[in-house]
Amino acid sequence: MLSYILSQCGTNYKVIDYDDFEDFFKQKYPKRKLNLDEILSHLDTLGYVDIKFGDEQKYCLCATNSAKNLFEEEKNNKKTTKKIKIEVVIFVIFVFIFAFIGAFLGTLFYNILV
């Protein structure tokens, strides 16, 4: 829900209809029941959303800088994780190649000397 609010409002206040929230929520979680007031109050408590007003049909709100920073950190963590995975794969490939070369040379020298 926070990603939707951030994509729609950014850090500026915007009025969003309840139906828009409901459509987004049903796409992400088709079997769950939407309790928008509870979700928004939780996000407000955590400091990720600032709510000016809200009723049963419309909400005027914006995402805070904390929410924006949260998603930026998440993107950076994903990039770092991907980079680490690639480095591990390359390391394993080099270990395999050098182990194979070492075994080949060891066998070659053993056969030459014996």
PDB file of N, CA and C in Angstrom:
ATOM      1  N   MET A   1       0.830  -1.182   0.000  1.00  0.00           N
ATOM      2  CA  MET A   1       0.000   0.000   0.000  1.00  0.00           C
ATOM      3  C   MET A   1       0.878   1.250   0.000  1.00  0.00           C
ATOM      4  N   LEU A   2       1.981   1.167   0.731  1.00  0.00           N
ATOM      5  CA  LEU A   2       2.884   2.312   0.785  1.00  0.00           C
ATOM      6  C   LEU A   2       3.490   2.602  -0.585  1.00  0.00           C
ATOM      7  N   SER A   3       3.802   1.571  -1.325  1.00  0.00           N
ATOM      8  CA  SER A   3       4.361   1.786  -2.669  1.00  0.00           C
ATOM      9  C   SER A   3       3.325   2.472  -3.570  1.00  0.00           C
ATOM     10  N   TYR A   4       2.065   2.108  -3.414  1.00  0.00           N
ATOM     11  CA  TYR A   4       1.008   2.739  -4.205  1.00  0.00           C
ATOM     12  C   TYR A   4       0.882   4.215  -3.834  1.00  0.00           C
ATOM     13  N   ILE A   5       0.890   4.511  -2.554  1.00  0.00           N
ATOM     14  CA  ILE A   5       0.778   5.901  -2.105  1.00  0.00           C
ATOM     15  C   ILE A   5       1.958   6.713  -2.608  1.00  0.00           C
ATOM     16  N   LEU A   6       3.141   6.136  -2.531  1.00  0.00           N
ATOM     17  CA  LEU A   6       4.338   6.836  -2.995  1.00  0.00           C
ATOM     18  C   LEU A   6       4.292   7.075  -4.497  1.00  0.00           C
ATOM     19  N   SER A   7       3.790   6.096  -5.249  1.00  0.00           N
ATOM     20  CA  SER A   7       3.712   6.266  -6.702  1.00  0.00           C
ATOM     21  C   SER A   7       2.642   7.285  -7.100  1.00  0.00           C
ATOM     22  N   GLN A   8       1.566   7.371  -6.352  1.00  0.00           N
ATOM     23  CA  GLN A   8       0.484   8.295  -6.691  1.00  0.00           C
ATOM     24  C   GLN A   8       0.738   9.717  -6.197  1.00  0.00           C
ATOM     25  N   CYS A   9       1.254   9.831  -4.982  1.00  0.00           N
ATOM     26  CA  CYS A   9       1.382  11.149  -4.364  1.00  0.00           C
ATOM     27  C   CYS A   9       2.805  11.683  -4.333  1.00  0.00           C
ATOM     28  N   GLY A  10       3.751  10.794  -4.187  1.00  0.00           N
ATOM     29  CA  GLY A  10       5.109  11.253  -3.917  1.00  0.00           C
ATOM     30  C   GLY A  10       5.117  11.873  -2.531  1.00  0.00           C
ATOM     31  N   THR A  11       5.815  12.982  -2.392  1.00  0.00           N
ATOM     32  CA  THR A  11       5.837  13.664  -1.097  1.00  0.00           C
ATOM     33  C   THR A  11       4.920  14.887  -1.093  1.00  0.00           C
ATOM     34  N   ASN A  12       3.994  14.936  -2.063  1.00  0.00           N
ATOM     35  CA  ASN A  12       3.004  16.018  -2.120  1.00  0.00           C
ATOM     36  C   ASN A  12       1.634  15.465  -1.766  1.00  0.00           C
ATOM     37  N   TYR A  13       0.824  16.307  -1.155  1.00  0.00           N
ATOM     38  CA  TYR A  13      -0.526  15.875  -0.789  1.00  0.00           C
ATOM     39  C   TYR A  13      -1.380  15.677  -2.033  1.00  0.00           C
ATOM     40  N   LYS A  14      -2.178  14.633  -1.999  1.00  0.00           N
ATOM     41  CA  LYS A  14      -3.078  14.342  -3.104  1.00  0.00           C
ATOM     42  C   LYS A  14      -4.308  13.632  -2.549  1.00  0.00           C
ATOM     43  N   VAL A  15      -5.454  13.896  -3.163  1.00  0.00           N
ATOM     44  CA  VAL A  15      -6.690  13.231  -2.781  1.00  0.00           C
ATOM     45  C   VAL A  15      -6.822  11.953  -3.615  1.00  0.00           C
ATOM     46  N   ILE A  16      -6.985  10.833  -2.922  1.00  0.00           N
ATOM     47  CA  ILE A  16      -7.127   9.538  -3.581  1.00  0.00           C
ATOM     48  C   ILE A  16      -8.453   8.919  -3.159  1.00  0.00           C
ATOM     49  N   ASP A  17      -9.193   8.413  -4.131  1.00  0.00           N
ATOM     50  CA  ASP A  17     -10.478   7.777  -3.852  1.00  0.00           C
ATOM     51  C   ASP A  17     -10.274   6.403  -3.215  1.00  0.00           C
ATOM     52  N   TYR A  18     -11.235   6.025  -2.405  1.00  0.00           N
ATOM     53  CA  TYR A  18     -11.222   4.711  -1.781  1.00  0.00           C
ATOM     54  C   TYR A  18     -11.209   3.609  -2.838  1.00  0.00           C
ATOM     55  N   ASP A  19     -11.938   3.817  -3.929  1.00  0.00           N
ATOM     56  CA  ASP A  19     -12.008   2.814  -5.004  1.00  0.00           C
ATOM     57  C   ASP A  19     -10.635   2.544  -5.619  1.00  0.00           C
ATOM     58  N   ASP A  20      -9.799   3.586  -5.729  1.00  0.00           N
ATOM     59  CA  ASP A  20      -8.452   3.399  -6.272  1.00  0.00           C
ATOM     60  C   ASP A  20      -7.615   2.516  -5.350  1.00  0.00           C
ATOM     61  N   PHE A  21      -7.724   2.774  -4.046  1.00  0.00           N
ATOM     62  CA  PHE A  21      -7.027   1.924  -3.077  1.00  0.00           C
ATOM     63  C   PHE A  21      -7.520   0.485  -3.183  1.00  0.00           C
ATOM     64  N   GLU A  22      -8.825   0.350  -3.292  1.00  0.00           N
ATOM     65  CA  GLU A  22      -9.430  -0.980  -3.343  1.00  0.00           C
ATOM     66  C   GLU A  22      -8.979  -1.755  -4.586  1.00  0.00           C
ATOM     67  N   ASP A  23      -8.924  -1.073  -5.723  1.00  0.00           N
ATOM     68  CA  ASP A  23      -8.471  -1.729  -6.957  1.00  0.00           C
ATOM     69  C   ASP A  23      -7.030  -2.207  -6.827  1.00  0.00           C
ATOM     70  N   PHE A  24      -6.173  -1.352  -6.307  1.00  0.00           N
ATOM     71  CA  PHE A  24      -4.774  -1.727  -6.117  1.00  0.00           C
ATOM     72  C   PHE A  24      -4.655  -2.904  -5.159  1.00  0.00           C
ATOM     73  N   PHE A  25      -5.389  -2.840  -4.058  1.00  0.00           N
ATOM     74  CA  PHE A  25      -5.301  -3.880  -3.034  1.00  0.00           C
ATOM     75  C   PHE A  25      -5.799  -5.220  -3.564  1.00  0.00           C
ATOM     76  N   LYS A  26      -6.867  -5.209  -4.340  1.00  0.00           N
ATOM     77  CA  LYS A  26      -7.408  -6.460  -4.890  1.00  0.00           C
ATOM     78  C   LYS A  26      -6.454  -7.086  -5.905  1.00  0.00           C
ATOM     79  N   GLN A  27      -5.699  -6.269  -6.609  1.00  0.00           N
ATOM     80  CA  GLN A  27      -4.709  -6.818  -7.545  1.00  0.00           C
ATOM     81  C   GLN A  27      -3.582  -7.509  -6.795  1.00  0.00           C
ATOM     82  N   LYS A  28      -3.135  -6.914  -5.712  1.00  0.00           N
ATOM     83  CA  LYS A  28      -2.020  -7.481  -4.948  1.00  0.00           C
ATOM     84  C   LYS A  28      -2.448  -8.636  -4.053  1.00  0.00           C
ATOM     85  N   TYR A  29      -3.588  -8.485  -3.392  1.00  0.00           N
ATOM     86  CA  TYR A  29      -4.056  -9.469  -2.413  1.00  0.00           C
ATOM     87  C   TYR A  29      -5.517  -9.812  -2.696  1.00  0.00           C
ATOM     88  N   PRO A  30      -5.771 -10.655  -3.684  1.00  0.00           N
ATOM     89  CA  PRO A  30      -7.152 -10.908  -4.095  1.00  0.00           C
ATOM     90  C   PRO A  30      -8.016 -11.593  -3.035  1.00  0.00           C
ATOM     91  N   LYS A  31      -7.435 -12.331  -2.114  1.00  0.00           N
ATOM     92  CA  LYS A  31      -8.232 -13.081  -1.135  1.00  0.00           C
ATOM     93  C   LYS A  31      -8.366 -12.379   0.209  1.00  0.00           C
ATOM     94  N   ARG A  32      -7.731 -11.235   0.363  1.00  0.00           N
ATOM     95  CA  ARG A  32      -7.798 -10.517   1.641  1.00  0.00           C
ATOM     96  C   ARG A  32      -8.848  -9.416   1.590  1.00  0.00           C
ATOM     97  N   LYS A  33      -9.345  -9.085   2.768  1.00  0.00           N
ATOM     98  CA  LYS A  33     -10.306  -7.996   2.884  1.00  0.00           C
ATOM     99  C   LYS A  33      -9.556  -6.702   3.205  1.00  0.00           C
ATOM    100  N   LEU A  34      -9.916  -5.636   2.515  1.00  0.00           N
ATOM    101  CA  LEU A  34      -9.251  -4.356   2.687  1.00  0.00           C
ATOM    102  C   LEU A  34      -9.802  -3.630   3.908  1.00  0.00           C
ATOM    103  N   ASN A  35      -8.917  -3.307   4.834  1.00  0.00           N
ATOM    104  CA  ASN A  35      -9.258  -2.460   5.963  1.00  0.00           C
ATOM    105  C   ASN A  35      -8.363  -1.230   5.869  1.00  0.00           C
ATOM    106  N   LEU A  36      -8.760  -0.295   5.012  1.00  0.00           N
ATOM    107  CA  LEU A  36      -7.922   0.840   4.659  1.00  0.00           C
ATOM    108  C   LEU A  36      -7.618   1.736   5.851  1.00  0.00           C
ATOM    109  N   ASP A  37      -8.604   1.980   6.689  1.00  0.00           N
ATOM    110  CA  ASP A  37      -8.377   2.844   7.857  1.00  0.00           C
ATOM    111  C   ASP A  37      -7.273   2.282   8.748  1.00  0.00           C
ATOM    112  N   GLU A  38      -7.296   0.981   8.957  1.00  0.00           N
ATOM    113  CA  GLU A  38      -6.291   0.341   9.805  1.00  0.00           C
ATOM    114  C   GLU A  38      -4.904   0.428   9.160  1.00  0.00           C
ATOM    115  N   ILE A  39      -4.834   0.170   7.863  1.00  0.00           N
ATOM    116  CA  ILE A  39      -3.555   0.221   7.151  1.00  0.00           C
ATOM    117  C   ILE A  39      -2.983   1.629   7.174  1.00  0.00           C
ATOM    118  N   LEU A  40      -3.813   2.615   6.859  1.00  0.00           N
ATOM    119  CA  LEU A  40      -3.332   4.001   6.823  1.00  0.00           C
ATOM    120  C   LEU A  40      -2.951   4.511   8.208  1.00  0.00           C
ATOM    121  N   SER A  41      -3.711   4.146   9.215  1.00  0.00           N
ATOM    122  CA  SER A  41      -3.351   4.585  10.568  1.00  0.00           C
ATOM    123  C   SER A  41      -2.032   3.941  11.012  1.00  0.00           C
ATOM    124  N   HIS A  42      -1.805   2.699  10.608  1.00  0.00           N
ATOM    125  CA  HIS A  42      -0.546   2.028  10.933  1.00  0.00           C
ATOM    126  C   HIS A  42       0.630   2.721  10.229  1.00  0.00           C
ATOM    127  N   LEU A  43       0.459   3.046   8.948  1.00  0.00           N
ATOM    128  CA  LEU A  43       1.503   3.750   8.208  1.00  0.00           C
ATOM    129  C   LEU A  43       1.746   5.145   8.781  1.00  0.00           C
ATOM    130  N   ASP A  44       0.682   5.790   9.236  1.00  0.00           N
ATOM    131  CA  ASP A  44       0.807   7.109   9.855  1.00  0.00           C
ATOM    132  C   ASP A  44       1.567   7.005  11.178  1.00  0.00           C
ATOM    133  N   THR A  45       1.264   5.975  11.959  1.00  0.00           N
ATOM    134  CA  THR A  45       1.942   5.763  13.231  1.00  0.00           C
ATOM    135  C   THR A  45       3.438   5.521  13.027  1.00  0.00           C
ATOM    136  N   LEU A  46       3.774   4.782  11.979  1.00  0.00           N
ATOM    137  CA  LEU A  46       5.180   4.498  11.680  1.00  0.00           C
ATOM    138  C   LEU A  46       5.905   5.705  11.083  1.00  0.00           C
ATOM    139  N   GLY A  47       5.145   6.719  10.664  1.00  0.00           N
ATOM    140  CA  GLY A  47       5.740   7.928  10.114  1.00  0.00           C
ATOM    141  C   GLY A  47       6.013   7.871   8.626  1.00  0.00           C
ATOM    142  N   TYR A  48       5.372   6.944   7.934  1.00  0.00           N
ATOM    143  CA  TYR A  48       5.564   6.811   6.492  1.00  0.00           C
ATOM    144  C   TYR A  48       4.535   7.582   5.679  1.00  0.00           C
ATOM    145  N   VAL A  49       3.410   7.939   6.299  1.00  0.00           N
ATOM    146  CA  VAL A  49       2.330   8.640   5.609  1.00  0.00           C
ATOM    147  C   VAL A  49       1.849   9.773   6.502  1.00  0.00           C
ATOM    148  N   ASP A  50       1.523  10.900   5.876  1.00  0.00           N
ATOM    149  CA  ASP A  50       0.906  12.009   6.599  1.00  0.00           C
ATOM    150  C   ASP A  50      -0.494  12.194   6.030  1.00  0.00           C
ATOM    151  N   ILE A  51      -1.500  12.052   6.896  1.00  0.00           N
ATOM    152  CA  ILE A  51      -2.896  12.120   6.464  1.00  0.00           C
ATOM    153  C   ILE A  51      -3.478  13.462   6.891  1.00  0.00           C
ATOM    154  N   LYS A  52      -3.955  14.243   5.900  1.00  0.00           N
ATOM    155  CA  LYS A  52      -4.624  15.504   6.215  1.00  0.00           C
ATOM    156  C   LYS A  52      -6.057  15.245   6.633  1.00  0.00           C
ATOM    157  N   PHE A  53      -6.777  14.500   5.803  1.00  0.00           N
ATOM    158  CA  PHE A  53      -8.137  14.121   6.158  1.00  0.00           C
ATOM    159  C   PHE A  53      -8.491  12.832   5.449  1.00  0.00           C
ATOM    160  N   GLY A  54      -9.504  12.192   5.965  1.00  0.00           N
ATOM    161  CA  GLY A  54      -9.980  10.970   5.342  1.00  0.00           C
ATOM    162  C   GLY A  54     -11.405  10.694   5.753  1.00  0.00           C
ATOM    163  N   ASP A  55     -12.198  10.233   4.805  1.00  0.00           N
ATOM    164  CA  ASP A  55     -13.544   9.771   5.114  1.00  0.00           C
ATOM    165  C   ASP A  55     -13.733   8.443   4.396  1.00  0.00           C
ATOM    166  N   GLU A  56     -14.954   8.024   4.241  1.00  0.00           N
ATOM    167  CA  GLU A  56     -15.204   6.710   3.657  1.00  0.00           C
ATOM    168  C   GLU A  56     -14.977   6.669   2.151  1.00  0.00           C
ATOM    169  N   GLN A  57     -14.893   7.816   1.493  1.00  0.00           N
ATOM    170  CA  GLN A  57     -14.750   7.846   0.038  1.00  0.00           C
ATOM    171  C   GLN A  57     -13.415   8.400  -0.450  1.00  0.00           C
ATOM    172  N   LYS A  58     -12.820   9.337   0.287  1.00  0.00           N
ATOM    173  CA  LYS A  58     -11.594   9.999  -0.167  1.00  0.00           C
ATOM    174  C   LYS A  58     -10.628  10.195   0.984  1.00  0.00           C
ATOM    175  N   TYR A  59      -9.350  10.205   0.613  1.00  0.00           N
ATOM    176  CA  TYR A  59      -8.286  10.462   1.580  1.00  0.00           C
ATOM    177  C   TYR A  59      -7.326  11.464   0.974  1.00  0.00           C
ATOM    178  N   CYS A  60      -6.937  12.455   1.754  1.00  0.00           N
ATOM    179  CA  CYS A  60      -5.918  13.401   1.342  1.00  0.00           C
ATOM    180  C   CYS A  60      -4.674  13.070   2.155  1.00  0.00           C
ATOM    181  N   LEU A  61      -3.647  12.633   1.450  1.00  0.00           N
ATOM    182  CA  LEU A  61      -2.456  12.196   2.148  1.00  0.00           C
ATOM    183  C   LEU A  61      -1.225  12.333   1.276  1.00  0.00           C
ATOM    184  N   CYS A  62      -0.081  12.121   1.881  1.00  0.00           N
ATOM    185  CA  CYS A  62       1.180  12.107   1.134  1.00  0.00           C
ATOM    186  C   CYS A  62       2.141  11.161   1.842  1.00  0.00           C
ATOM    187  N   ALA A  63       3.101  10.690   1.096  1.00  0.00           N
ATOM    188  CA  ALA A  63       4.150   9.859   1.679  1.00  0.00           C
ATOM    189  C   ALA A  63       5.221  10.789   2.247  1.00  0.00           C
ATOM    190  N   THR A  64       5.824  10.391   3.344  1.00  0.00           N
ATOM    191  CA  THR A  64       6.866  11.204   3.959  1.00  0.00           C
ATOM    192  C   THR A  64       8.227  10.850   3.363  1.00  0.00           C
ATOM    193  N   ASN A  65       9.212  11.627   3.732  1.00  0.00           N
ATOM    194  CA  ASN A  65      10.568  11.337   3.277  1.00  0.00           C
ATOM    195  C   ASN A  65      11.069   9.996   3.820  1.00  0.00           C
ATOM    196  N   SER A  66      10.564   9.596   4.976  1.00  0.00           N
ATOM    197  CA  SER A  66      10.945   8.296   5.535  1.00  0.00           C
ATOM    198  C   SER A  66      10.510   7.164   4.608  1.00  0.00           C
ATOM    199  N   ALA A  67       9.335   7.276   4.034  1.00  0.00           N
ATOM    200  CA  ALA A  67       8.852   6.257   3.098  1.00  0.00           C
ATOM    201  C   ALA A  67       9.705   6.237   1.838  1.00  0.00           C
ATOM    202  N   LYS A  68      10.032   7.408   1.348  1.00  0.00           N
ATOM    203  CA  LYS A  68      10.871   7.500   0.153  1.00  0.00           C
ATOM    204  C   LYS A  68      12.244   6.884   0.419  1.00  0.00           C
ATOM    205  N   ASN A  69      12.818   7.199   1.569  1.00  0.00           N
ATOM    206  CA  ASN A  69      14.120   6.642   1.945  1.00  0.00           C
ATOM    207  C   ASN A  69      14.054   5.132   2.113  1.00  0.00           C
ATOM    208  N   LEU A  70      12.942   4.644   2.639  1.00  0.00           N
ATOM    209  CA  LEU A  70      12.765   3.201   2.823  1.00  0.00           C
ATOM    210  C   LEU A  70      12.849   2.471   1.490  1.00  0.00           C
ATOM    211  N   PHE A  71      12.188   2.979   0.474  1.00  0.00           N
ATOM    212  CA  PHE A  71      12.208   2.334  -0.839  1.00  0.00           C
ATOM    213  C   PHE A  71      13.561   2.487  -1.528  1.00  0.00           C
ATOM    214  N   GLU A  72      14.225   3.615  -1.311  1.00  0.00           N
ATOM    215  CA  GLU A  72      15.557   3.782  -1.881  1.00  0.00           C
ATOM    216  C   GLU A  72      16.546   2.806  -1.245  1.00  0.00           C
ATOM    217  N   GLU A  73      16.443   2.614   0.071  1.00  0.00           N
ATOM    218  CA  GLU A  73      17.304   1.650   0.758  1.00  0.00           C
ATOM    219  C   GLU A  73      17.029   0.235   0.260  1.00  0.00           C
ATOM    220  N   GLU A  74      15.764  -0.068   0.037  1.00  0.00           N
ATOM    221  CA  GLU A  74      15.398  -1.390  -0.459  1.00  0.00           C
ATOM    222  C   GLU A  74      15.983  -1.635  -1.849  1.00  0.00           C
ATOM    223  N   LYS A  75      15.935  -0.630  -2.710  1.00  0.00           N
ATOM    224  CA  LYS A  75      16.531  -0.758  -4.047  1.00  0.00           C
ATOM    225  C   LYS A  75      18.034  -0.985  -3.943  1.00  0.00           C
ATOM    226  N   ASN A  76      18.684  -0.213  -3.072  1.00  0.00           N
ATOM    227  CA  ASN A  76      20.128  -0.370  -2.900  1.00  0.00           C
ATOM    228  C   ASN A  76      20.477  -1.745  -2.355  1.00  0.00           C
ATOM    229  N   ASN A  77      19.669  -2.254  -1.434  1.00  0.00           N
ATOM    230  CA  ASN A  77      19.912  -3.584  -0.881  1.00  0.00           C
ATOM    231  C   ASN A  77      19.761  -4.656  -1.950  1.00  0.00           C
ATOM    232  N   LYS A  78      18.781  -4.504  -2.835  1.00  0.00           N
ATOM    233  CA  LYS A  78      18.595  -5.474  -3.911  1.00  0.00           C
ATOM    234  C   LYS A  78      19.786  -5.453  -4.859  1.00  0.00           C
ATOM    235  N   LYS A  79      20.282  -4.258  -5.178  1.00  0.00           N
ATOM    236  CA  LYS A  79      21.445  -4.150  -6.059  1.00  0.00           C
ATOM    237  C   LYS A  79      22.671  -4.790  -5.414  1.00  0.00           C
ATOM    238  N   THR A  80      22.859  -4.540  -4.115  1.00  0.00           N
ATOM    239  CA  THR A  80      23.995  -5.104  -3.404  1.00  0.00           C
ATOM    240  C   THR A  80      23.888  -6.619  -3.346  1.00  0.00           C
ATOM    241  N   THR A  81      22.708  -7.138  -3.078  1.00  0.00           N
ATOM    242  CA  THR A  81      22.498  -8.577  -3.020  1.00  0.00           C
ATOM    243  C   THR A  81      22.781  -9.220  -4.366  1.00  0.00           C
ATOM    244  N   LYS A  82      22.327  -8.605  -5.438  1.00  0.00           N
ATOM    245  CA  LYS A  82      22.570  -9.131  -6.780  1.00  0.00           C
ATOM    246  C   LYS A  82      24.061  -9.137  -7.081  1.00  0.00           C
ATOM    247  N   LYS A  83      24.758  -8.073  -6.708  1.00  0.00           N
ATOM    248  CA  LYS A  83      26.194  -7.976  -6.939  1.00  0.00           C
ATOM    249  C   LYS A  83      26.935  -9.072  -6.166  1.00  0.00           C
ATOM    250  N   ILE A  84      26.539  -9.310  -4.933  1.00  0.00           N
ATOM    251  CA  ILE A  84      27.178 -10.351  -4.123  1.00  0.00           C
ATOM    252  C   ILE A  84      26.944 -11.726  -4.730  1.00  0.00           C
ATOM    253  N   LYS A  85      25.730 -11.985  -5.203  1.00  0.00           N
ATOM    254  CA  LYS A  85      25.448 -13.278  -5.837  1.00  0.00           C
ATOM    255  C   LYS A  85      26.322 -13.500  -7.060  1.00  0.00           C
ATOM    256  N   ILE A  86      26.496 -12.470  -7.865  1.00  0.00           N
ATOM    257  CA  ILE A  86      27.333 -12.583  -9.058  1.00  0.00           C
ATOM    258  C   ILE A  86      28.786 -12.839  -8.660  1.00  0.00           C
ATOM    259  N   GLU A  87      29.270 -12.138  -7.645  1.00  0.00           N
ATOM    260  CA  GLU A  87      30.641 -12.338  -7.181  1.00  0.00           C
ATOM    261  C   GLU A  87      30.853 -13.762  -6.660  1.00  0.00           C
ATOM    262  N   VAL A  88      29.885 -14.308  -5.959  1.00  0.00           N
ATOM    263  CA  VAL A  88      29.993 -15.672  -5.437  1.00  0.00           C
ATOM    264  C   VAL A  88      30.044 -16.673  -6.585  1.00  0.00           C
ATOM    265  N   VAL A  89      29.202 -16.493  -7.588  1.00  0.00           N
ATOM    266  CA  VAL A  89      29.199 -17.397  -8.742  1.00  0.00           C
ATOM    267  C   VAL A  89      30.541 -17.340  -9.466  1.00  0.00           C
ATOM    268  N   ILE A  90      31.068 -16.149  -9.672  1.00  0.00           N
ATOM    269  CA  ILE A  90      32.369 -16.005 -10.337  1.00  0.00           C
ATOM    270  C   ILE A  90      33.469 -16.662  -9.505  1.00  0.00           C
ATOM    271  N   PHE A  91      33.425 -16.477  -8.195  1.00  0.00           N
ATOM    272  CA  PHE A  91      34.409 -17.090  -7.306  1.00  0.00           C
ATOM    273  C   PHE A  91      34.364 -18.613  -7.406  1.00  0.00           C
ATOM    274  N   VAL A  92      33.170 -19.188  -7.397  1.00  0.00           N
ATOM    275  CA  VAL A  92      33.023 -20.645  -7.492  1.00  0.00           C
ATOM    276  C   VAL A  92      33.558 -21.143  -8.828  1.00  0.00           C
ATOM    277  N   ILE A  93      33.299 -20.421  -9.893  1.00  0.00           N
ATOM    278  CA  ILE A  93      33.805 -20.822 -11.211  1.00  0.00           C
ATOM    279  C   ILE A  93      35.335 -20.804 -11.224  1.00  0.00           C
ATOM    280  N   PHE A  94      35.943 -19.737 -10.675  1.00  0.00           N
ATOM    281  CA  PHE A  94      37.404 -19.678 -10.631  1.00  0.00           C
ATOM    282  C   PHE A  94      37.989 -20.787  -9.757  1.00  0.00           C
ATOM    283  N   VAL A  95      37.382 -21.068  -8.630  1.00  0.00           N
ATOM    284  CA  VAL A  95      37.864 -22.153  -7.769  1.00  0.00           C
ATOM    285  C   VAL A  95      37.811 -23.477  -8.520  1.00  0.00           C
ATOM    286  N   PHE A  96      36.733 -23.739  -9.217  1.00  0.00           N
ATOM    287  CA  PHE A  96      36.607 -24.976  -9.980  1.00  0.00           C
ATOM    288  C   PHE A  96      37.689 -25.063 -11.058  1.00  0.00           C
ATOM    289  N   ILE A  97      37.890 -23.972 -11.789  1.00  0.00           N
ATOM    290  CA  ILE A  97      38.884 -23.969 -12.876  1.00  0.00           C
ATOM    291  C   ILE A  97      40.286 -24.209 -12.312  1.00  0.00           C
ATOM    292  N   PHE A  98      40.648 -23.486 -11.249  1.00  0.00           N
ATOM    293  CA  PHE A  98      41.989 -23.649 -10.693  1.00  0.00           C
ATOM    294  C   PHE A  98      42.170 -25.013 -10.025  1.00  0.00           C
ATOM    295  N   ALA A  99      41.122 -25.554  -9.436  1.00  0.00           N
ATOM    296  CA  ALA A  99      41.214 -26.904  -8.874  1.00  0.00           C
ATOM    297  C   ALA A  99      41.414 -27.924  -9.986  1.00  0.00           C
ATOM    298  N   PHE A 100      40.725 -27.747 -11.075  1.00  0.00           N
ATOM    299  CA  PHE A 100      40.873 -28.652 -12.216  1.00  0.00           C
ATOM    300  C   PHE A 100      42.286 -28.560 -12.792  1.00  0.00           C
ATOM    301  N   ILE A 101      42.795 -27.325 -12.955  1.00  0.00           N
ATOM    302  CA  ILE A 101      44.159 -27.139 -13.477  1.00  0.00           C
ATOM    303  C   ILE A 101      45.177 -27.750 -12.522  1.00  0.00           C
ATOM    304  N   GLY A 102      44.990 -27.535 -11.231  1.00  0.00           N
ATOM    305  CA  GLY A 102      45.913 -28.105 -10.235  1.00  0.00           C
ATOM    306  C   GLY A 102      45.912 -29.624 -10.266  1.00  0.00           C
ATOM    307  N   ALA A 103      44.741 -30.216 -10.363  1.00  0.00           N
ATOM    308  CA  ALA A 103      44.661 -31.682 -10.427  1.00  0.00           C
ATOM    309  C   ALA A 103      45.299 -32.194 -11.720  1.00  0.00           C
ATOM    310  N   PHE A 104      45.083 -31.507 -12.822  1.00  0.00           N
ATOM    311  CA  PHE A 104      45.671 -31.909 -14.102  1.00  0.00           C
ATOM    312  C   PHE A 104      47.193 -31.828 -14.050  1.00  0.00           C
ATOM    313  N   LEU A 105      47.712 -30.709 -13.553  1.00  0.00           N
ATOM    314  CA  LEU A 105      49.173 -30.555 -13.474  1.00  0.00           C
ATOM    315  C   LEU A 105      49.787 -31.539 -12.486  1.00  0.00           C
ATOM    316  N   GLY A 106      49.102 -31.768 -11.372  1.00  0.00           N
ATOM    317  CA  GLY A 106      49.603 -32.754 -10.397  1.00  0.00           C
ATOM    318  C   GLY A 106      49.688 -34.135 -11.014  1.00  0.00           C
ATOM    319  N   THR A 107      48.673 -34.529 -11.726  1.00  0.00           N
ATOM    320  CA  THR A 107      48.661 -35.839 -12.383  1.00  0.00           C
ATOM    321  C   THR A 107      49.732 -35.897 -13.466  1.00  0.00           C
ATOM    322  N   LEU A 108      49.896 -34.841 -14.222  1.00  0.00           N
ATOM    323  CA  LEU A 108      50.894 -34.782 -15.279  1.00  0.00           C
ATOM    324  C   LEU A 108      52.310 -34.920 -14.718  1.00  0.00           C
ATOM    325  N   PHE A 109      52.641 -34.152 -13.679  1.00  0.00           N
ATOM    326  CA  PHE A 109      53.965 -34.234 -13.073  1.00  0.00           C
ATOM    327  C   PHE A 109      54.193 -35.587 -12.415  1.00  0.00           C
ATOM    328  N   TYR A 110      53.169 -36.127 -11.808  1.00  0.00           N
ATOM    329  CA  TYR A 110      53.317 -37.449 -11.181  1.00  0.00           C
ATOM    330  C   TYR A 110      53.649 -38.497 -12.250  1.00  0.00           C
ATOM    331  N   ASN A 111      52.948 -38.450 -13.377  1.00  0.00           N
ATOM    332  CA  ASN A 111      53.192 -39.433 -14.453  1.00  0.00           C
ATOM    333  C   ASN A 111      54.562 -39.213 -15.091  1.00  0.00           C
ATOM    334  N   ILE A 112      55.034 -37.992 -15.168  1.00  0.00           N
ATOM    335  CA  ILE A 112      56.348 -37.718 -15.755  1.00  0.00           C
ATOM    336  C   ILE A 112      57.466 -38.196 -14.822  1.00  0.00           C
ATOM    337  N   LEU A 113      57.301 -37.980 -13.547  1.00  0.00           N
ATOM    338  CA  LEU A 113      58.337 -38.326 -12.575  1.00  0.00           C
ATOM    339  C   LEU A 113      58.335 -39.804 -12.209  1.00  0.00           C
ATOM    340  N   VAL A 114      57.255 -40.469 -12.313  1.00  0.00           N
ATOM    341  CA  VAL A 114      57.185 -41.874 -11.926  1.00  0.00           C
ATOM    342  C   VAL A 114      57.406 -42.784 -13.074  1.00  0.00           C
TER     343      VAL A 114
END
